Amino acid sequence: MTIDFADESGITLFPELYETAEQVVSCALDYMKCPYEAQVSLLITDDARIHALNRRYRQIDRSTDVLSFPSAEYGTAGDFSQFEDEELLDCFEPESGELMLGDIVISAEHVLAQAEAYGHSVRREYAFLIAHSMLHLMGFDHMTQEEAAEMERLQEEILRELNILR
């Protein structure tokens, strides 16, 4: 597993940012039974940058807590069998052979504000946003009540596996 990690926020959330990301990404992949080694990009940024990205890629003119940019579309969320198709070989990094899941962008300012608003640790909020985004990178969404309930259940189960609780 590779995490291309960058923190350009200028905000100190807590010291173990990379280690926590590594734990959550790994647990999410294991929990969803991803049969491949995988690669994820993770950028920690500020509200101004995530606002610009949200406006550019989603046409939503405001900041947000997390953005997910999956590298592939899934017929069924969490079903990795589609990658056995030779036409999808471009989803694998040529040198490492890892499945390129996509990019995660997190606003450090939102992490701090939401941790305070929800009354839990900054680490828990950060881990939650990574778990949430990992599910998006694996084809899950929350456009319907059923999808949202499924994502909420999976997020909580992943965090429970890591003992990162509210």
N, C-alpha and C. Protein backbone atom coordinates (compact mmCIF):
# COMPACT_ATOMS: atom_id res chain seq x y z
N MET A 1 0.84 -1.17 0.00
CA MET A 1 0.00 0.00 0.00
C MET A 1 0.89 1.24 0.00
N THR A 2 0.51 2.19 -0.83
CA THR A 2 1.24 3.45 -0.90
C THR A 2 0.26 4.59 -0.66
N ILE A 3 0.66 5.50 0.21
CA ILE A 3 -0.10 6.74 0.40
C ILE A 3 0.82 7.88 -0.01
N ASP A 4 0.43 8.59 -1.07
CA ASP A 4 1.15 9.80 -1.47
C ASP A 4 0.59 10.92 -0.61
N PHE A 5 1.31 11.29 0.43
CA PHE A 5 0.82 12.18 1.47
C PHE A 5 1.46 13.55 1.36
N ALA A 6 0.65 14.60 1.49
CA ALA A 6 1.17 15.96 1.54
C ALA A 6 0.29 16.78 2.47
N ASP A 7 0.93 17.62 3.26
CA ASP A 7 0.21 18.53 4.15
C ASP A 7 0.66 19.94 3.82
N GLU A 8 -0.21 20.68 3.13
CA GLU A 8 0.09 22.06 2.77
C GLU A 8 -0.75 23.05 3.57
N SER A 9 -1.42 22.54 4.62
CA SER A 9 -2.37 23.37 5.35
C SER A 9 -1.71 24.43 6.22
N GLY A 10 -0.52 24.14 6.75
CA GLY A 10 0.10 25.07 7.68
C GLY A 10 -0.54 25.01 9.06
N ILE A 11 -1.41 24.02 9.27
CA ILE A 11 -2.12 23.86 10.54
C ILE A 11 -1.68 22.53 11.16
N THR A 12 -1.29 22.57 12.42
CA THR A 12 -0.90 21.34 13.10
C THR A 12 -2.15 20.72 13.71
N LEU A 13 -2.58 19.60 13.15
CA LEU A 13 -3.75 18.90 13.68
C LEU A 13 -3.33 18.02 14.87
N PHE A 14 -2.38 17.15 14.65
CA PHE A 14 -1.78 16.30 15.68
C PHE A 14 -0.57 15.63 15.04
N PRO A 15 0.36 15.13 15.83
CA PRO A 15 1.63 14.65 15.26
C PRO A 15 1.54 13.43 14.34
N GLU A 16 0.62 12.52 14.58
CA GLU A 16 0.61 11.24 13.85
C GLU A 16 -0.32 11.26 12.64
N LEU A 17 -0.30 12.32 11.86
CA LEU A 17 -1.20 12.42 10.70
C LEU A 17 -0.98 11.27 9.71
N TYR A 18 0.26 11.04 9.33
CA TYR A 18 0.54 10.00 8.34
C TYR A 18 0.23 8.62 8.90
N GLU A 19 0.64 8.35 10.12
CA GLU A 19 0.42 7.04 10.71
C GLU A 19 -1.08 6.73 10.83
N THR A 20 -1.87 7.72 11.23
CA THR A 20 -3.31 7.52 11.33
C THR A 20 -3.91 7.27 9.95
N ALA A 21 -3.48 8.03 8.97
CA ALA A 21 -3.97 7.82 7.60
C ALA A 21 -3.64 6.42 7.14
N GLU A 22 -2.42 5.98 7.40
CA GLU A 22 -1.99 4.64 7.00
C GLU A 22 -2.87 3.57 7.66
N GLN A 23 -3.18 3.74 8.94
CA GLN A 23 -4.01 2.77 9.66
C GLN A 23 -5.42 2.72 9.06
N VAL A 24 -6.01 3.88 8.81
CA VAL A 24 -7.39 3.93 8.31
C VAL A 24 -7.47 3.39 6.88
N VAL A 25 -6.54 3.79 6.03
CA VAL A 25 -6.54 3.32 4.64
C VAL A 25 -6.39 1.80 4.62
N SER A 26 -5.44 1.30 5.37
CA SER A 26 -5.19 -0.14 5.42
C SER A 26 -6.41 -0.90 5.95
N CYS A 27 -7.00 -0.40 7.01
CA CYS A 27 -8.17 -1.06 7.60
C CYS A 27 -9.35 -1.03 6.63
N ALA A 28 -9.56 0.09 5.96
CA ALA A 28 -10.67 0.19 4.99
C ALA A 28 -10.47 -0.81 3.85
N LEU A 29 -9.26 -0.93 3.35
CA LEU A 29 -8.98 -1.88 2.28
C LEU A 29 -9.20 -3.31 2.75
N ASP A 30 -8.72 -3.63 3.93
CA ASP A 30 -8.92 -4.97 4.48
C ASP A 30 -10.39 -5.25 4.75
N TYR A 31 -11.07 -4.26 5.34
CA TYR A 31 -12.48 -4.44 5.69
C TYR A 31 -13.33 -4.70 4.44
N MET A 32 -12.99 -4.02 3.35
CA MET A 32 -13.75 -4.19 2.11
C MET A 32 -13.18 -5.32 1.25
N LYS A 33 -12.20 -6.03 1.80
CA LYS A 33 -11.60 -7.19 1.13
C LYS A 33 -11.04 -6.86 -0.26
N CYS A 34 -10.35 -5.73 -0.32
CA CYS A 34 -9.68 -5.37 -1.57
C CYS A 34 -8.56 -6.37 -1.82
N PRO A 35 -8.61 -7.08 -2.94
CA PRO A 35 -7.62 -8.12 -3.19
C PRO A 35 -6.28 -7.61 -3.75
N TYR A 36 -6.16 -6.31 -3.90
CA TYR A 36 -4.97 -5.73 -4.51
C TYR A 36 -4.23 -4.84 -3.52
N GLU A 37 -2.93 -4.70 -3.75
CA GLU A 37 -2.21 -3.62 -3.11
C GLU A 37 -2.75 -2.35 -3.75
N ALA A 38 -2.85 -1.29 -2.99
CA ALA A 38 -3.49 -0.08 -3.51
C ALA A 38 -2.66 1.16 -3.24
N GLN A 39 -2.99 2.20 -4.00
CA GLN A 39 -2.32 3.49 -3.91
C GLN A 39 -3.38 4.57 -3.76
N VAL A 40 -3.15 5.48 -2.82
CA VAL A 40 -4.06 6.59 -2.55
C VAL A 40 -3.24 7.86 -2.40
N SER A 41 -3.75 8.97 -2.92
CA SER A 41 -3.15 10.28 -2.66
C SER A 41 -3.97 10.98 -1.59
N LEU A 42 -3.28 11.57 -0.62
CA LEU A 42 -3.96 12.27 0.46
C LEU A 42 -3.31 13.64 0.63
N LEU A 43 -4.12 14.68 0.47
CA LEU A 43 -3.66 16.06 0.62
C LEU A 43 -4.43 16.71 1.75
N ILE A 44 -3.70 17.25 2.73
CA ILE A 44 -4.30 18.05 3.78
C ILE A 44 -4.08 19.50 3.37
N THR A 45 -5.18 20.25 3.32
CA THR A 45 -5.08 21.63 2.83
C THR A 45 -5.90 22.55 3.72
N ASP A 46 -6.11 23.77 3.27
CA ASP A 46 -6.90 24.74 4.03
C ASP A 46 -8.24 24.98 3.33
N ASP A 47 -9.09 25.75 3.98
CA ASP A 47 -10.43 26.01 3.43
C ASP A 47 -10.39 26.72 2.09
N ALA A 48 -9.46 27.64 1.91
CA ALA A 48 -9.41 28.38 0.64
C ALA A 48 -9.12 27.44 -0.52
N ARG A 49 -8.17 26.54 -0.34
CA ARG A 49 -7.80 25.60 -1.43
C ARG A 49 -8.92 24.60 -1.70
N ILE A 50 -9.53 24.06 -0.65
CA ILE A 50 -10.59 23.07 -0.87
C ILE A 50 -11.82 23.75 -1.47
N HIS A 51 -12.03 25.02 -1.12
CA HIS A 51 -13.12 25.80 -1.72
C HIS A 51 -12.90 25.90 -3.23
N ALA A 52 -11.68 26.25 -3.62
CA ALA A 52 -11.36 26.37 -5.05
C ALA A 52 -11.53 25.03 -5.77
N LEU A 53 -11.10 23.95 -5.15
CA LEU A 53 -11.25 22.63 -5.76
C LEU A 53 -12.73 22.24 -5.87
N ASN A 54 -13.49 22.54 -4.84
CA ASN A 54 -14.93 22.22 -4.84
C ASN A 54 -15.65 23.00 -5.94
N ARG A 55 -15.28 24.26 -6.10
CA ARG A 55 -15.88 25.09 -7.15
C ARG A 55 -15.48 24.57 -8.54
N ARG A 56 -14.22 24.23 -8.70
CA ARG A 56 -13.72 23.79 -10.01
C ARG A 56 -14.29 22.42 -10.43
N TYR A 57 -14.28 21.46 -9.53
CA TYR A 57 -14.62 20.09 -9.91
C TYR A 57 -16.07 19.69 -9.63
N ARG A 58 -16.72 20.42 -8.69
CA ARG A 58 -18.11 20.05 -8.37
C ARG A 58 -19.09 21.20 -8.62
N GLN A 59 -18.56 22.35 -9.03
CA GLN A 59 -19.36 23.54 -9.25
C GLN A 59 -20.16 23.94 -8.00
N ILE A 60 -19.55 23.73 -6.83
CA ILE A 60 -20.14 24.13 -5.56
C ILE A 60 -19.23 25.19 -4.96
N ASP A 61 -19.76 26.40 -4.80
CA ASP A 61 -18.94 27.56 -4.44
C ASP A 61 -18.87 27.75 -2.92
N ARG A 62 -18.26 26.78 -2.25
CA ARG A 62 -18.02 26.87 -0.80
C ARG A 62 -16.97 25.85 -0.42
N SER A 63 -16.41 26.04 0.75
CA SER A 63 -15.46 25.05 1.24
C SER A 63 -16.23 23.83 1.74
N THR A 64 -15.52 22.75 1.95
CA THR A 64 -16.12 21.51 2.44
C THR A 64 -15.08 20.80 3.28
N ASP A 65 -15.48 19.73 3.94
CA ASP A 65 -14.54 19.02 4.81
C ASP A 65 -13.62 18.09 4.04
N VAL A 66 -14.16 17.37 3.04
CA VAL A 66 -13.36 16.39 2.31
C VAL A 66 -13.87 16.27 0.89
N LEU A 67 -12.95 16.07 -0.02
CA LEU A 67 -13.29 15.77 -1.41
C LEU A 67 -12.63 14.45 -1.78
N SER A 68 -13.34 13.66 -2.55
CA SER A 68 -12.84 12.37 -3.01
C SER A 68 -12.87 12.35 -4.53
N PHE A 69 -11.78 11.91 -5.11
CA PHE A 69 -11.68 11.82 -6.56
C PHE A 69 -11.30 10.39 -6.92
N PRO A 70 -12.30 9.51 -7.10
CA PRO A 70 -12.00 8.11 -7.45
C PRO A 70 -11.36 8.00 -8.83
N SER A 71 -10.48 7.03 -8.97
CA SER A 71 -9.83 6.79 -10.25
C SER A 71 -10.64 5.91 -11.18
N ALA A 72 -11.62 5.20 -10.62
CA ALA A 72 -12.42 4.28 -11.43
C ALA A 72 -13.88 4.35 -11.00
N GLU A 73 -14.75 3.97 -11.91
CA GLU A 73 -16.16 3.83 -11.59
C GLU A 73 -16.43 2.36 -11.31
N TYR A 74 -17.35 2.11 -10.41
CA TYR A 74 -17.69 0.74 -10.01
C TYR A 74 -19.12 0.43 -10.44
N GLY A 75 -19.32 -0.76 -10.99
CA GLY A 75 -20.67 -1.21 -11.27
C GLY A 75 -21.43 -1.44 -9.97
N THR A 76 -20.74 -2.07 -9.03
CA THR A 76 -21.26 -2.31 -7.69
C THR A 76 -20.21 -1.83 -6.70
N ALA A 77 -20.63 -1.01 -5.77
CA ALA A 77 -19.70 -0.47 -4.78
C ALA A 77 -18.96 -1.59 -4.07
N GLY A 78 -17.65 -1.42 -3.95
CA GLY A 78 -16.84 -2.38 -3.23
C GLY A 78 -16.56 -3.68 -3.96
N ASP A 79 -16.97 -3.77 -5.23
CA ASP A 79 -16.75 -4.98 -6.03
C ASP A 79 -15.50 -4.77 -6.88
N PHE A 80 -14.43 -5.43 -6.49
CA PHE A 80 -13.15 -5.25 -7.17
C PHE A 80 -12.96 -6.21 -8.33
N SER A 81 -13.93 -7.09 -8.57
CA SER A 81 -13.78 -8.09 -9.64
C SER A 81 -13.70 -7.44 -11.02
N GLN A 82 -14.22 -6.24 -11.18
CA GLN A 82 -14.17 -5.56 -12.48
C GLN A 82 -12.73 -5.31 -12.93
N PHE A 83 -11.80 -5.24 -11.99
CA PHE A 83 -10.42 -4.92 -12.35
C PHE A 83 -9.69 -6.11 -12.96
N GLU A 84 -10.36 -7.25 -13.01
CA GLU A 84 -9.80 -8.42 -13.69
C GLU A 84 -9.88 -8.26 -15.21
N ASP A 85 -10.72 -7.32 -15.67
CA ASP A 85 -10.89 -7.03 -17.09
C ASP A 85 -9.63 -6.33 -17.62
N GLU A 86 -9.07 -6.85 -18.68
CA GLU A 86 -7.84 -6.27 -19.23
C GLU A 86 -8.00 -4.82 -19.66
N GLU A 87 -9.22 -4.40 -19.97
CA GLU A 87 -9.45 -3.01 -20.38
C GLU A 87 -9.23 -2.04 -19.23
N LEU A 88 -9.23 -2.54 -18.00
CA LEU A 88 -9.04 -1.67 -16.84
C LEU A 88 -7.63 -1.73 -16.28
N LEU A 89 -6.70 -2.25 -17.06
CA LEU A 89 -5.32 -2.33 -16.59
C LEU A 89 -4.72 -0.96 -16.32
N ASP A 90 -5.27 0.10 -16.94
CA ASP A 90 -4.75 1.44 -16.69
C ASP A 90 -5.08 1.94 -15.28
N CYS A 91 -5.88 1.18 -14.53
CA CYS A 91 -6.18 1.52 -13.14
C CYS A 91 -5.06 1.07 -12.20
N PHE A 92 -4.04 0.40 -12.75
CA PHE A 92 -2.93 -0.08 -11.95
C PHE A 92 -1.68 0.72 -12.27
N GLU A 93 -0.94 1.10 -11.24
CA GLU A 93 0.30 1.83 -11.41
C GLU A 93 1.31 0.90 -12.07
N PRO A 94 1.85 1.28 -13.22
CA PRO A 94 2.71 0.37 -13.98
C PRO A 94 3.94 -0.16 -13.22
N GLU A 95 4.58 0.71 -12.44
CA GLU A 95 5.81 0.28 -11.77
C GLU A 95 5.54 -0.59 -10.55
N SER A 96 4.57 -0.21 -9.72
CA SER A 96 4.33 -0.95 -8.48
C SER A 96 3.28 -2.05 -8.64
N GLY A 97 2.42 -1.91 -9.67
CA GLY A 97 1.31 -2.85 -9.84
C GLY A 97 0.15 -2.59 -8.90
N GLU A 98 0.20 -1.48 -8.15
CA GLU A 98 -0.86 -1.16 -7.20
C GLU A 98 -2.09 -0.59 -7.90
N LEU A 99 -3.27 -0.92 -7.37
CA LEU A 99 -4.52 -0.35 -7.85
C LEU A 99 -4.56 1.11 -7.42
N MET A 100 -4.71 2.01 -8.38
CA MET A 100 -4.77 3.44 -8.07
C MET A 100 -6.22 3.79 -7.74
N LEU A 101 -6.50 3.95 -6.45
CA LEU A 101 -7.87 4.22 -6.02
C LEU A 101 -8.30 5.65 -6.28
N GLY A 102 -7.41 6.61 -6.07
CA GLY A 102 -7.78 7.99 -6.31
C GLY A 102 -7.19 8.94 -5.28
N ASP A 103 -7.79 10.12 -5.20
CA ASP A 103 -7.27 11.21 -4.38
C ASP A 103 -8.28 11.61 -3.31
N ILE A 104 -7.73 11.95 -2.14
CA ILE A 104 -8.50 12.47 -1.01
C ILE A 104 -7.92 13.83 -0.67
N VAL A 105 -8.79 14.83 -0.51
CA VAL A 105 -8.37 16.17 -0.09
C VAL A 105 -9.18 16.52 1.16
N ILE A 106 -8.48 16.86 2.24
CA ILE A 106 -9.13 17.16 3.52
C ILE A 106 -8.78 18.58 3.94
N SER A 107 -9.78 19.32 4.41
CA SER A 107 -9.56 20.66 4.96
C SER A 107 -9.22 20.54 6.44
N ALA A 108 -8.01 20.97 6.80
CA ALA A 108 -7.59 20.95 8.20
C ALA A 108 -8.50 21.82 9.07
N GLU A 109 -8.93 22.95 8.52
CA GLU A 109 -9.81 23.84 9.28
C GLU A 109 -11.14 23.17 9.59
N HIS A 110 -11.69 22.43 8.63
CA HIS A 110 -12.93 21.70 8.87
C HIS A 110 -12.73 20.58 9.89
N VAL A 111 -11.58 19.91 9.83
CA VAL A 111 -11.31 18.85 10.81
C VAL A 111 -11.39 19.42 12.22
N LEU A 112 -10.72 20.55 12.45
CA LEU A 112 -10.73 21.17 13.78
C LEU A 112 -12.13 21.60 14.20
N ALA A 113 -12.83 22.27 13.31
CA ALA A 113 -14.17 22.79 13.63
C ALA A 113 -15.16 21.65 13.89
N GLN A 114 -15.11 20.61 13.06
CA GLN A 114 -16.06 19.51 13.22
C GLN A 114 -15.74 18.66 14.44
N ALA A 115 -14.48 18.49 14.77
CA ALA A 115 -14.13 17.76 15.99
C ALA A 115 -14.72 18.47 17.20
N GLU A 116 -14.58 19.79 17.22
CA GLU A 116 -15.15 20.56 18.34
C GLU A 116 -16.68 20.49 18.34
N ALA A 117 -17.29 20.66 17.17
CA ALA A 117 -18.75 20.65 17.09
C ALA A 117 -19.35 19.30 17.49
N TYR A 118 -18.68 18.21 17.12
CA TYR A 118 -19.19 16.87 17.43
C TYR A 118 -18.69 16.34 18.76
N GLY A 119 -17.81 17.07 19.41
CA GLY A 119 -17.35 16.68 20.74
C GLY A 119 -16.46 15.45 20.77
N HIS A 120 -15.67 15.27 19.74
CA HIS A 120 -14.70 14.17 19.78
C HIS A 120 -13.32 14.69 19.38
N SER A 121 -12.35 13.80 19.39
CA SER A 121 -10.97 14.22 19.15
C SER A 121 -10.74 14.61 17.69
N VAL A 122 -9.71 15.40 17.50
CA VAL A 122 -9.29 15.80 16.16
C VAL A 122 -8.88 14.55 15.37
N ARG A 123 -8.19 13.63 16.04
CA ARG A 123 -7.77 12.39 15.37
C ARG A 123 -8.98 11.59 14.90
N ARG A 124 -10.02 11.54 15.71
CA ARG A 124 -11.23 10.79 15.33
C ARG A 124 -11.89 11.42 14.11
N GLU A 125 -11.98 12.74 14.07
CA GLU A 125 -12.59 13.42 12.93
C GLU A 125 -11.78 13.19 11.65
N TYR A 126 -10.48 13.31 11.76
CA TYR A 126 -9.57 13.08 10.64
C TYR A 126 -9.72 11.64 10.13
N ALA A 127 -9.72 10.68 11.04
CA ALA A 127 -9.88 9.27 10.67
C ALA A 127 -11.23 9.02 10.02
N PHE A 128 -12.26 9.64 10.55
CA PHE A 128 -13.61 9.50 9.98
C PHE A 128 -13.64 9.99 8.54
N LEU A 129 -13.04 11.16 8.28
CA LEU A 129 -13.05 11.71 6.93
C LEU A 129 -12.27 10.83 5.96
N ILE A 130 -11.19 10.23 6.43
CA ILE A 130 -10.45 9.31 5.56
C ILE A 130 -11.27 8.06 5.28
N ALA A 131 -11.89 7.48 6.31
CA ALA A 131 -12.73 6.29 6.11
C ALA A 131 -13.87 6.61 5.14
N HIS A 132 -14.50 7.76 5.32
CA HIS A 132 -15.59 8.19 4.44
C HIS A 132 -15.11 8.28 3.00
N SER A 133 -13.97 8.94 2.83
CA SER A 133 -13.44 9.13 1.49
C SER A 133 -12.97 7.83 0.86
N MET A 134 -12.39 6.94 1.65
CA MET A 134 -11.97 5.63 1.13
C MET A 134 -13.17 4.88 0.57
N LEU A 135 -14.30 4.97 1.23
CA LEU A 135 -15.51 4.30 0.72
C LEU A 135 -15.92 4.92 -0.62
N HIS A 136 -15.81 6.23 -0.74
CA HIS A 136 -16.08 6.86 -2.05
C HIS A 136 -15.12 6.33 -3.11
N LEU A 137 -13.84 6.20 -2.75
CA LEU A 137 -12.85 5.71 -3.72
C LEU A 137 -13.11 4.26 -4.11
N MET A 138 -13.91 3.55 -3.30
CA MET A 138 -14.25 2.16 -3.60
C MET A 138 -15.68 2.04 -4.15
N GLY A 139 -16.24 3.17 -4.60
CA GLY A 139 -17.51 3.14 -5.31
C GLY A 139 -18.76 3.42 -4.51
N PHE A 140 -18.64 3.69 -3.22
CA PHE A 140 -19.82 3.96 -2.39
C PHE A 140 -20.21 5.43 -2.52
N ASP A 141 -21.49 5.69 -2.29
CA ASP A 141 -21.99 7.06 -2.32
C ASP A 141 -23.10 7.19 -1.28
N HIS A 142 -23.62 8.39 -1.12
CA HIS A 142 -24.68 8.62 -0.14
C HIS A 142 -25.77 9.52 -0.72
N MET A 143 -26.15 9.21 -1.96
CA MET A 143 -27.17 10.00 -2.64
C MET A 143 -28.59 9.64 -2.19
N THR A 144 -28.79 8.42 -1.72
CA THR A 144 -30.10 8.00 -1.21
C THR A 144 -29.97 7.70 0.28
N GLN A 145 -31.09 7.59 0.96
CA GLN A 145 -31.06 7.27 2.40
C GLN A 145 -30.43 5.90 2.63
N GLU A 146 -30.71 4.96 1.75
CA GLU A 146 -30.14 3.61 1.89
C GLU A 146 -28.63 3.64 1.73
N GLU A 147 -28.15 4.36 0.71
CA GLU A 147 -26.71 4.47 0.49
C GLU A 147 -26.03 5.17 1.68
N ALA A 148 -26.66 6.23 2.17
CA ALA A 148 -26.09 6.97 3.30
C ALA A 148 -26.01 6.07 4.53
N ALA A 149 -27.05 5.30 4.79
CA ALA A 149 -27.06 4.40 5.94
C ALA A 149 -25.96 3.34 5.81
N GLU A 150 -25.77 2.81 4.61
CA GLU A 150 -24.72 1.82 4.38
C GLU A 150 -23.34 2.42 4.60
N MET A 151 -23.12 3.61 4.08
CA MET A 151 -21.81 4.27 4.28
C MET A 151 -21.57 4.56 5.75
N GLU A 152 -22.59 5.05 6.45
CA GLU A 152 -22.43 5.33 7.88
C GLU A 152 -22.06 4.07 8.64
N ARG A 153 -22.73 2.96 8.33
CA ARG A 153 -22.45 1.70 9.01
C ARG A 153 -21.01 1.26 8.75
N LEU A 154 -20.59 1.30 7.48
CA LEU A 154 -19.24 0.88 7.12
C LEU A 154 -18.17 1.77 7.76
N GLN A 155 -18.40 3.08 7.74
CA GLN A 155 -17.45 4.02 8.36
C GLN A 155 -17.26 3.69 9.83
N GLU A 156 -18.37 3.51 10.53
CA GLU A 156 -18.30 3.23 11.97
C GLU A 156 -17.63 1.89 12.23
N GLU A 157 -17.89 0.88 11.40
CA GLU A 157 -17.27 -0.42 11.59
C GLU A 157 -15.76 -0.36 11.36
N ILE A 158 -15.34 0.38 10.35
CA ILE A 158 -13.91 0.55 10.09
C ILE A 158 -13.23 1.23 11.28
N LEU A 159 -13.84 2.29 11.77
CA LEU A 159 -13.25 3.02 12.90
C LEU A 159 -13.29 2.18 14.18
N ARG A 160 -14.32 1.38 14.35
CA ARG A 160 -14.41 0.49 15.51
C ARG A 160 -13.29 -0.55 15.47
N GLU A 161 -12.99 -1.06 14.26
CA GLU A 161 -11.88 -2.01 14.11
C GLU A 161 -10.57 -1.41 14.61
N LEU A 162 -10.41 -0.11 14.44
CA LEU A 162 -9.19 0.59 14.85
C LEU A 162 -9.29 1.16 16.27
N ASN A 163 -10.44 0.98 16.89
CA ASN A 163 -10.70 1.53 18.22
C ASN A 163 -10.55 3.06 18.23
N ILE A 164 -11.01 3.68 17.14
CA ILE A 164 -11.05 5.15 17.06
C ILE A 164 -12.53 5.53 17.20
N LEU A 165 -12.90 5.80 18.44
CA LEU A 165 -14.31 5.98 18.77
C LEU A 165 -14.61 7.43 19.14
N ARG A 166 -15.90 7.72 19.18
CA ARG A 166 -16.32 9.06 19.57
C ARG A 166 -16.04 9.29 21.04
